[in-house]
Protein backbone atom coordinates (compact mmCIF):
# COMPACT_ATOMS: atom_id res chain seq x y z
CA MET A 1 -29.21 -48.63 37.76
CA PRO A 2 -31.40 -51.58 36.65
CA PHE A 3 -30.42 -53.69 33.67
CA LEU A 4 -32.46 -53.33 30.47
CA LYS A 5 -34.24 -56.34 29.03
CA GLY A 6 -36.02 -57.35 25.87
CA ALA A 7 -37.30 -54.59 23.56
CA ALA A 8 -35.77 -51.94 25.81
CA ILE A 9 -32.33 -53.33 25.04
CA GLY A 10 -33.06 -53.10 21.32
CA ARG A 11 -34.21 -49.49 21.60
CA ALA A 12 -31.22 -48.53 23.69
CA ALA A 13 -28.83 -50.19 21.26
CA ALA A 14 -30.43 -48.36 18.36
CA ALA A 15 -30.15 -45.02 20.19
CA ILE A 16 -26.51 -45.65 21.04
CA ALA A 17 -25.76 -46.62 17.45
CA ALA A 18 -27.41 -43.44 16.16
CA ALA A 19 -25.51 -41.31 18.65
CA MET A 20 -22.22 -42.95 17.65
CA ALA A 21 -22.98 -42.38 13.98
CA MET A 22 -23.62 -38.71 14.61
CA ALA A 23 -20.45 -38.39 16.68
CA LEU A 24 -18.38 -40.02 13.95
CA ALA A 25 -19.96 -37.94 11.19
CA ALA A 26 -19.55 -34.56 12.91
CA PRO A 27 -15.73 -34.39 12.65
CA ALA A 28 -15.92 -34.97 8.89
CA VAL A 29 -18.10 -31.90 8.46
CA ASP A 30 -15.86 -29.83 10.76
CA ALA A 31 -12.75 -31.15 9.01
CA ALA A 32 -14.11 -30.08 5.63
CA SER A 33 -14.97 -26.63 6.99
CA ALA A 34 -11.56 -26.33 8.65
CA ALA A 35 -9.82 -27.33 5.41
CA ALA A 36 -11.77 -24.65 3.56
CA GLY A 37 -10.93 -22.18 6.32
CA LYS A 38 -7.22 -22.88 5.99
CA THR A 39 -7.30 -21.84 2.33
CA LYS A 40 -9.12 -18.62 3.26
CA ALA A 41 -7.03 -17.77 6.31
CA GLU A 42 -3.88 -16.44 4.63
CA PRO A 43 -4.79 -12.75 5.11
CA CYS A 44 -5.83 -13.45 8.71
CA MET A 45 -2.44 -15.06 9.37
CA ALA A 46 -0.73 -11.74 8.63
CA CYS A 47 -1.83 -10.62 12.10
CA HIS A 48 -3.11 -13.73 13.89
CA GLY A 49 -0.24 -16.01 12.83
CA GLU A 50 -0.03 -19.20 10.79
CA ASN A 51 -0.55 -21.29 13.93
CA GLY A 52 -3.21 -19.01 15.39
CA VAL A 53 -0.74 -17.31 17.74
CA SER A 54 -0.65 -13.62 16.91
CA VAL A 55 2.33 -11.56 15.76
CA ALA A 56 1.89 -8.86 18.43
CA ASP A 57 0.75 -8.50 22.04
CA ASP A 58 -2.20 -6.28 21.12
CA ILE A 59 -3.64 -8.84 18.66
CA PRO A 60 -5.61 -11.79 20.09
CA ASN A 61 -4.59 -15.40 19.57
CA LEU A 62 -7.23 -17.47 17.76
CA ALA A 63 -5.77 -20.96 18.19
CA GLY A 64 -8.11 -23.13 20.23
CA GLN A 65 -10.82 -20.49 20.62
CA LYS A 66 -14.34 -21.89 20.54
CA PRO A 67 -15.73 -21.73 16.98
CA LYS A 68 -18.99 -20.10 18.06
CA TYR A 69 -17.03 -17.37 19.81
CA ILE A 70 -14.93 -16.66 16.70
CA GLU A 71 -18.05 -16.62 14.54
CA ALA A 72 -19.83 -14.25 16.91
CA GLN A 73 -16.93 -11.80 16.97
CA LEU A 74 -16.50 -11.79 13.19
CA LYS A 75 -20.22 -11.23 12.70
CA ALA A 76 -20.13 -8.39 15.24
CA PHE A 77 -17.24 -6.76 13.36
CA LYS A 78 -19.08 -7.26 10.08
CA ALA A 79 -22.23 -5.61 11.42
CA GLY A 80 -20.26 -2.79 13.04
CA LYS A 81 -21.50 -3.76 16.51
CA ARG A 82 -17.92 -4.32 17.64
CA LYS A 83 -15.49 -1.54 16.74
CA ASN A 84 -11.99 -2.00 15.40
CA ASP A 85 -10.67 -0.09 12.40
CA LEU A 86 -8.91 -3.09 10.90
CA MET A 87 -11.56 -5.72 11.51
CA ASN A 88 -14.40 -3.42 10.50
CA ALA A 89 -12.65 -3.16 7.12
CA ILE A 90 -11.96 -6.89 6.74
CA ALA A 91 -15.08 -8.60 8.14
CA PRO A 92 -17.62 -7.09 5.69
CA GLN A 93 -15.78 -8.90 2.89
CA LEU A 94 -16.55 -12.29 4.48
CA SER A 95 -19.66 -14.37 3.81
CA ASP A 96 -21.32 -16.40 6.58
CA ALA A 97 -19.73 -19.50 5.06
CA ASP A 98 -16.29 -17.85 5.13
CA ILE A 99 -16.80 -16.98 8.79
CA ALA A 100 -17.84 -20.53 9.69
CA ASP A 101 -14.86 -21.99 7.81
CA LEU A 102 -12.38 -19.62 9.45
CA ALA A 103 -13.83 -20.37 12.88
CA ALA A 104 -13.52 -24.11 12.25
CA PHE A 105 -9.90 -23.74 11.13
CA PHE A 106 -8.61 -21.54 13.95
CA SER A 107 -10.56 -23.38 16.66
CA GLY A 108 -8.91 -26.62 15.54
CA LEU A 109 -5.39 -25.28 16.05
CA ALA A 110 -3.60 -26.13 19.29
CA PRO A 111 -2.19 -23.15 21.21
CA THR A 112 1.60 -23.48 21.38
CA GLY A 113 3.36 -21.60 24.14
CA THR A 114 3.56 -17.82 24.37
CA GLU A 115 6.05 -17.01 21.61
CA LYS A 116 4.61 -14.68 18.98
CA SER A 117 4.35 -15.72 15.33
CA LYS A 118 6.48 -14.16 12.64
CA MET A 119 4.81 -11.72 10.27
CA SER A 120 3.62 -13.09 6.93
CA ALA A 121 6.49 -12.73 4.45
CA LYS A 122 4.13 -11.88 1.58
CA VAL A 123 2.40 -9.12 3.48
CA ALA A 124 5.40 -7.84 5.44
CA LYS A 125 7.47 -7.21 2.32
CA THR A 126 7.38 -3.58 1.20
CA ASN A 127 9.11 -1.93 -1.74
CA VAL A 128 8.75 1.59 -0.35
CA THR A 129 12.04 3.50 -0.08
CA PHE A 130 12.79 6.81 1.59
CA PRO A 131 12.28 9.73 -0.85
CA GLU A 132 15.39 11.77 -0.14
CA ASP A 133 14.30 14.76 -2.26
CA PHE A 134 10.73 15.08 -0.98
CA LYS A 135 11.27 18.54 0.53
CA LYS A 136 12.35 19.88 -2.88
CA THR A 137 9.97 18.14 -5.27
CA TYR A 138 6.87 17.13 -3.29
CA THR A 139 3.90 19.38 -2.49
CA LEU A 140 2.95 20.07 1.13
CA TYR A 141 -0.82 19.77 0.86
CA HIS A 142 -2.14 19.15 4.37
CA THR A 143 -1.30 19.62 8.05
CA ILE A 144 -3.29 18.19 10.93
CA ASN A 145 -3.10 18.05 14.74
CA PHE A 146 -3.49 14.73 16.57
CA PRO A 147 -4.65 15.79 20.06
CA ASP A 148 -4.79 12.28 21.53
CA ARG A 149 -1.17 11.68 20.56
CA LYS A 150 0.06 15.25 21.01
CA GLN A 151 1.40 15.21 17.46
CA VAL A 152 1.27 17.41 14.37
CA ARG A 153 1.68 15.87 10.93
CA ASP A 154 2.63 17.36 7.56
CA TYR A 155 1.44 15.57 4.41
CA PHE A 156 3.40 15.67 1.14
CA ALA A 157 2.52 14.32 -2.31
CA SER A 158 4.84 13.56 -5.22
CA PRO A 159 4.30 15.32 -8.58
CA GLU A 160 2.72 12.15 -10.02
CA VAL A 161 0.08 12.14 -7.29
CA MET A 162 -0.77 15.82 -7.65
CA ALA A 163 -1.09 15.61 -11.44
CA ALA A 164 -3.22 12.44 -11.38
CA VAL A 165 -5.64 13.66 -8.72
CA LYS A 166 -6.00 17.03 -10.46
CA ALA A 167 -6.89 15.19 -13.69
CA GLY A 168 -9.32 12.88 -11.89
CA LYS A 169 -7.23 9.80 -12.67
CA PRO A 170 -5.79 7.00 -10.49
CA VAL A 171 -2.30 7.61 -9.15
CA PRO A 172 0.25 6.07 -11.57
CA ASN A 173 3.17 3.84 -10.65
CA GLY A 174 5.85 5.90 -8.96
CA GLY A 175 3.36 8.00 -6.98
CA VAL A 176 4.24 8.61 -3.33
CA LEU A 177 2.48 10.11 -0.32
CA PHE A 178 4.77 11.00 2.56
CA VAL A 179 4.10 12.22 6.10
CA GLU A 180 6.35 13.89 8.65
CA VAL A 181 5.23 13.21 12.23
CA TYR A 182 6.34 15.65 14.94
CA SER A 183 5.75 15.63 18.66
CA ALA A 184 4.14 18.86 19.81
CA LYS A 185 5.83 21.34 22.11
CA LEU A 186 4.16 21.24 25.49
CA GLU A 187 3.45 23.76 28.20
CA GLY A 188 2.61 21.71 31.21
CA ASN A 189 0.85 18.82 29.55
CA LYS A 190 -0.86 20.82 26.81
CA PRO A 191 0.39 21.31 23.24
CA VAL A 192 1.49 24.82 22.29
CA VAL A 193 -0.73 26.13 19.47
CA GLY A 194 0.77 28.49 16.89
CA ALA A 195 -0.88 31.43 15.15
CA ASP A 196 -1.85 29.12 12.27
CA GLY A 197 -3.87 26.88 14.62
CA PHE A 198 -1.43 23.99 14.43
CA TYR A 199 0.69 22.60 17.22
CA ALA A 200 4.20 23.99 17.47
CA ARG A 201 6.64 21.33 16.32
CA ASP A 202 9.09 19.91 18.82
CA LYS A 203 10.97 16.82 17.66
CA LEU A 204 10.62 14.79 14.46
CA SER A 205 9.28 11.42 15.64
CA PHE A 206 9.00 9.35 12.46
CA TYR A 207 7.78 9.29 8.86
CA THR A 208 5.04 7.28 7.18
CA ALA A 209 4.80 6.56 3.46
CA MET A 210 2.66 4.89 0.83
CA ALA A 211 3.90 4.33 -2.70
CA LYS A 212 2.67 2.56 -5.82
CA GLY A 213 4.69 0.33 -8.14
CA ALA A 214 3.94 -2.05 -11.00
CA GLY A 215 2.91 -5.47 -9.72
CA TRP A 216 3.57 -4.64 -6.08
CA GLY A 217 0.21 -5.99 -4.96
CA LYS A 218 0.26 -9.33 -6.81
CA ASP A 219 1.38 -11.43 -3.83
CA ILE A 220 -0.89 -9.78 -1.27
CA PRO A 221 -4.16 -11.65 -0.54
CA GLU A 222 -7.16 -10.00 -2.18
CA VAL A 223 -8.91 -9.31 1.12
CA LEU A 224 -5.98 -7.03 2.05
CA ARG A 225 -4.71 -5.87 -1.35
CA ASN A 226 -4.73 -2.12 -2.05
CA GLY A 227 -4.12 -2.34 -5.78
CA ASP A 228 -0.36 -1.92 -6.12
CA TRP A 229 0.13 0.31 -3.07
CA HIS A 230 2.73 -0.57 -0.44
CA TYR A 231 3.32 1.12 2.94
CA ALA A 232 6.23 1.80 5.27
CA VAL A 233 7.22 3.63 8.45
CA PHE A 234 10.65 5.24 8.78
CA SER A 235 12.40 6.33 11.96
CA SER A 236 13.70 9.89 12.25
CA ASP A 237 17.09 8.63 11.00
CA LYS A 238 15.33 7.52 7.76
CA THR A 239 15.72 3.78 8.41
CA ARG A 240 12.67 1.65 7.72
CA ARG A 241 11.03 0.06 10.75
CA ALA A 242 11.01 -3.64 9.96
CA ALA A 243 8.76 -4.46 12.92
CA VAL A 244 5.82 -2.52 11.46
CA ASN A 245 3.17 -4.91 10.14
CA GLN A 246 2.10 -3.68 6.70
CA ALA A 247 -1.12 -5.69 7.07
CA THR A 248 -2.49 -3.04 9.45
CA CYS A 249 -1.96 -0.32 6.82
CA LEU A 250 -3.50 -2.43 4.07
CA ALA A 251 -6.56 -3.27 6.16
CA CYS A 252 -7.05 0.34 7.24
CA HIS A 253 -6.94 1.68 3.66
CA LYS A 254 -8.89 -1.24 2.11
CA PRO A 255 -12.35 0.41 2.32
CA LEU A 256 -11.08 3.39 0.31
CA ASP A 257 -10.82 1.54 -3.01
CA LYS A 258 -13.10 4.08 -4.74
CA ASP A 259 -10.66 6.84 -3.79
CA ASP A 260 -7.53 4.93 -4.86
CA TYR A 261 -7.04 4.01 -1.18
CA LEU A 262 -6.27 7.63 -0.22
CA PHE A 263 -7.56 9.05 3.07
CA THR A 264 -6.64 12.60 2.11
CA ILE A 265 -7.83 12.72 -1.50
CA LYS A 266 -10.09 15.73 -0.77
CA GLU A 267 -7.15 17.71 0.59
CA ILE A 268 -5.01 16.77 -2.45
CA LYS A 269 -7.78 17.88 -4.81
CA ALA A 270 -8.13 21.18 -2.98
CA LYS A 271 -4.38 21.85 -3.22
CA ALA A 272 -4.16 20.71 -6.84
CA LYS A 273 -6.72 23.25 -8.13
């Protein structure tokens, strides 16, 4: 390569200086965006981990991902072009600036081994307890088959829920919704259907619950918060499953804020008449 002389050297030096200035300036912009992203990432960390390494095998790690890739995926979730129940509920709450900041933050994290992150303490904490008397005092208001899981589920509501929904009011503190989940009896590989159209119950698999209490939502990030509702899953022996990430429940119910976060409010209204 020939050496440069005279004016050419001056032009080359100027170009190099400009390129160096741009290179030095770029990290400052990214650093500012990443810093902003860190303050916004708390709800994301409930699933994707504080260090960008997720809390479960079926949740992707974000640490070290290219920022443009993260931005593209979040925008696809926001637009509904990419389908995921949780992310389709979360992404629409993000502005383009939020998305850029989050992408800058997570892309700047260094992947660290393969060990999964711990669940966020704020989001993992649940105050829901097992309602021992639900069979006596709660109302059975809905039953539904789950063909893909070969399950049948019975839905119960506490007296506070039934009274509030009947009156057209939000559920008060102390309200509980409770679900019994049964595996279906099978003949061959097909569920046995009873005369009522529902699967015949085989074994009790687990319970799910949502309950409301004063101030329960105060520590949950706004992007996930469901008012003061908390969630829990109980094994058939009535012990709470600590490994269940409450963030998934919160994200799934988040779009239902106009219905007090209740998926089955229509069924409760019908039963409460």
